Amino acid sequence: MFYRDHNPPHFHAVYAEYEGLIDINKLELLWGGLPPRVLGLVIEWAALHQDELIENWERAKRQEPIKPIAPLV
């Protein structure tokens, strides 16, 4: 996530030379491209942490520190 980023609420996922923007509310790829397996893992992780992602989006809009979110295990 980036401070003062544009709507809709989203986060950036980077894997090797690939990058994608993931919509937090719809849990879908907004832009870019990730290998199918990676995209599946990212969406799975986002679904588990959707509330935390929304909270961090709001924190970023207020210029507050973003809280760490646990990885997918």
C-alpha atoms as a PDB file:
ATOM      1  CA  MET A   1       0.000   0.000   0.000  1.00  0.00           C
ATOM      2  CA  PHE A   2       1.050   3.543  -0.623  1.00  0.00           C
ATOM      3  CA  TYR A   3       0.042   6.612   1.340  1.00  0.00           C
ATOM      4  CA  ARG A   4      -2.529   8.800  -0.417  1.00  0.00           C
ATOM      5  CA  ASP A   5      -3.107   6.187  -3.101  1.00  0.00           C
ATOM      6  CA  HIS A   6      -6.139   6.341  -5.389  1.00  0.00           C
ATOM      7  CA  ASN A   7      -9.443   4.516  -4.940  1.00  0.00           C
ATOM      8  CA  PRO A   8     -10.671   1.819  -4.994  1.00  0.00           C
ATOM      9  CA  PRO A   9      -8.952   0.420  -1.896  1.00  0.00           C
ATOM     10  CA  HIS A  10      -6.201  -1.898  -3.128  1.00  0.00           C
ATOM     11  CA  PHE A  11      -2.716  -3.188  -2.463  1.00  0.00           C
ATOM     12  CA  HIS A  12       0.259  -3.918  -4.690  1.00  0.00           C
ATOM     13  CA  ALA A  13       1.486  -7.500  -4.995  1.00  0.00           C
ATOM     14  CA  VAL A  14       4.975  -8.041  -6.431  1.00  0.00           C
ATOM     15  CA  TYR A  15       6.444 -11.402  -7.429  1.00  0.00           C
ATOM     16  CA  ALA A  16       9.760 -11.468  -9.313  1.00  0.00           C
ATOM     17  CA  GLU A  17       9.201  -9.292 -12.409  1.00  0.00           C
ATOM     18  CA  TYR A  18       5.395  -9.396 -12.050  1.00  0.00           C
ATOM     19  CA  GLU A  19       3.167  -6.859 -10.315  1.00  0.00           C
ATOM     20  CA  GLY A  20      -0.550  -6.611  -9.759  1.00  0.00           C
ATOM     21  CA  LEU A  21      -2.994  -4.334  -7.978  1.00  0.00           C
ATOM     22  CA  ILE A  22      -5.546  -6.264  -5.944  1.00  0.00           C
ATOM     23  CA  ASP A  23      -8.939  -4.771  -5.055  1.00  0.00           C
ATOM     24  CA  ILE A  24      -9.438  -5.268  -1.305  1.00  0.00           C
ATOM     25  CA  ASN A  25     -13.241  -5.299  -1.385  1.00  0.00           C
ATOM     26  CA  LYS A  26     -13.772  -7.476  -4.470  1.00  0.00           C
ATOM     27  CA  LEU A  27     -10.616  -9.595  -4.017  1.00  0.00           C
ATOM     28  CA  GLU A  28      -9.781  -9.423  -7.704  1.00  0.00           C
ATOM     29  CA  LEU A  29      -6.950  -8.246  -9.905  1.00  0.00           C
ATOM     30  CA  LEU A  30      -7.429  -4.597 -10.923  1.00  0.00           C
ATOM     31  CA  TRP A  31      -4.282  -4.126 -12.984  1.00  0.00           C
ATOM     32  CA  GLY A  32      -1.128  -5.903 -13.984  1.00  0.00           C
ATOM     33  CA  GLY A  33      -0.449  -9.584 -14.008  1.00  0.00           C
ATOM     34  CA  LEU A  34       0.716 -12.357 -11.738  1.00  0.00           C
ATOM     35  CA  PRO A  35       1.214 -16.034 -12.546  1.00  0.00           C
ATOM     36  CA  PRO A  36      -2.051 -17.922 -11.859  1.00  0.00           C
ATOM     37  CA  ARG A  37      -0.691 -19.862  -8.875  1.00  0.00           C
ATOM     38  CA  VAL A  38       0.724 -16.699  -7.303  1.00  0.00           C
ATOM     39  CA  LEU A  39      -2.502 -14.767  -7.901  1.00  0.00           C
ATOM     40  CA  GLY A  40      -4.429 -17.587  -6.218  1.00  0.00           C
ATOM     41  CA  LEU A  41      -2.188 -17.445  -3.152  1.00  0.00           C
ATOM     42  CA  VAL A  42      -2.418 -13.653  -2.982  1.00  0.00           C
ATOM     43  CA  ILE A  43      -6.225 -13.752  -3.187  1.00  0.00           C
ATOM     44  CA  GLU A  44      -6.349 -16.500  -0.532  1.00  0.00           C
ATOM     45  CA  TRP A  45      -4.144 -14.397   1.774  1.00  0.00           C
ATOM     46  CA  ALA A  46      -6.205 -11.262   1.117  1.00  0.00           C
ATOM     47  CA  ALA A  47      -9.455 -13.099   1.904  1.00  0.00           C
ATOM     48  CA  LEU A  48      -8.044 -14.205   5.265  1.00  0.00           C
ATOM     49  CA  HIS A  49      -6.888 -10.662   6.100  1.00  0.00           C
ATOM     50  CA  GLN A  50      -9.504  -8.516   4.368  1.00  0.00           C
ATOM     51  CA  ASP A  51     -10.488  -6.625   7.546  1.00  0.00           C
ATOM     52  CA  GLU A  52      -6.837  -5.865   8.338  1.00  0.00           C
ATOM     53  CA  LEU A  53      -6.242  -4.702   4.768  1.00  0.00           C
ATOM     54  CA  ILE A  54      -9.210  -2.331   4.948  1.00  0.00           C
ATOM     55  CA  GLU A  55      -7.981  -1.033   8.301  1.00  0.00           C
ATOM     56  CA  ASN A  56      -4.514  -0.424   6.831  1.00  0.00           C
ATOM     57  CA  TRP A  57      -6.048   1.332   3.810  1.00  0.00           C
ATOM     58  CA  GLU A  58      -7.845   3.731   6.173  1.00  0.00           C
ATOM     59  CA  ARG A  59      -4.666   4.219   8.224  1.00  0.00           C
ATOM     60  CA  ALA A  60      -2.692   5.051   5.080  1.00  0.00           C
ATOM     61  CA  LYS A  61      -5.306   7.616   4.029  1.00  0.00           C
ATOM     62  CA  ARG A  62      -4.833   9.301   7.439  1.00  0.00           C
ATOM     63  CA  GLN A  63      -1.022   9.171   7.010  1.00  0.00           C
ATOM     64  CA  GLU A  64      -0.715   6.772   9.963  1.00  0.00           C
ATOM     65  CA  PRO A  65       1.709   3.856  10.119  1.00  0.00           C
ATOM     66  CA  ILE A  66       0.484   0.687   8.429  1.00  0.00           C
ATOM     67  CA  LYS A  67       0.352  -2.390  10.671  1.00  0.00           C
ATOM     68  CA  PRO A  68       2.114  -5.586   9.579  1.00  0.00           C
ATOM     69  CA  ILE A  69      -0.122  -8.445   8.426  1.00  0.00           C
ATOM     70  CA  ALA A  70       0.841 -12.076   8.956  1.00  0.00           C
ATOM     71  CA  PRO A  71       1.952 -14.058   5.895  1.00  0.00           C
ATOM     72  CA  LEU A  72       0.109 -17.028   4.464  1.00  0.00           C
ATOM     73  CA  VAL A  73       1.314 -20.220   6.149  1.00  0.00           C
END
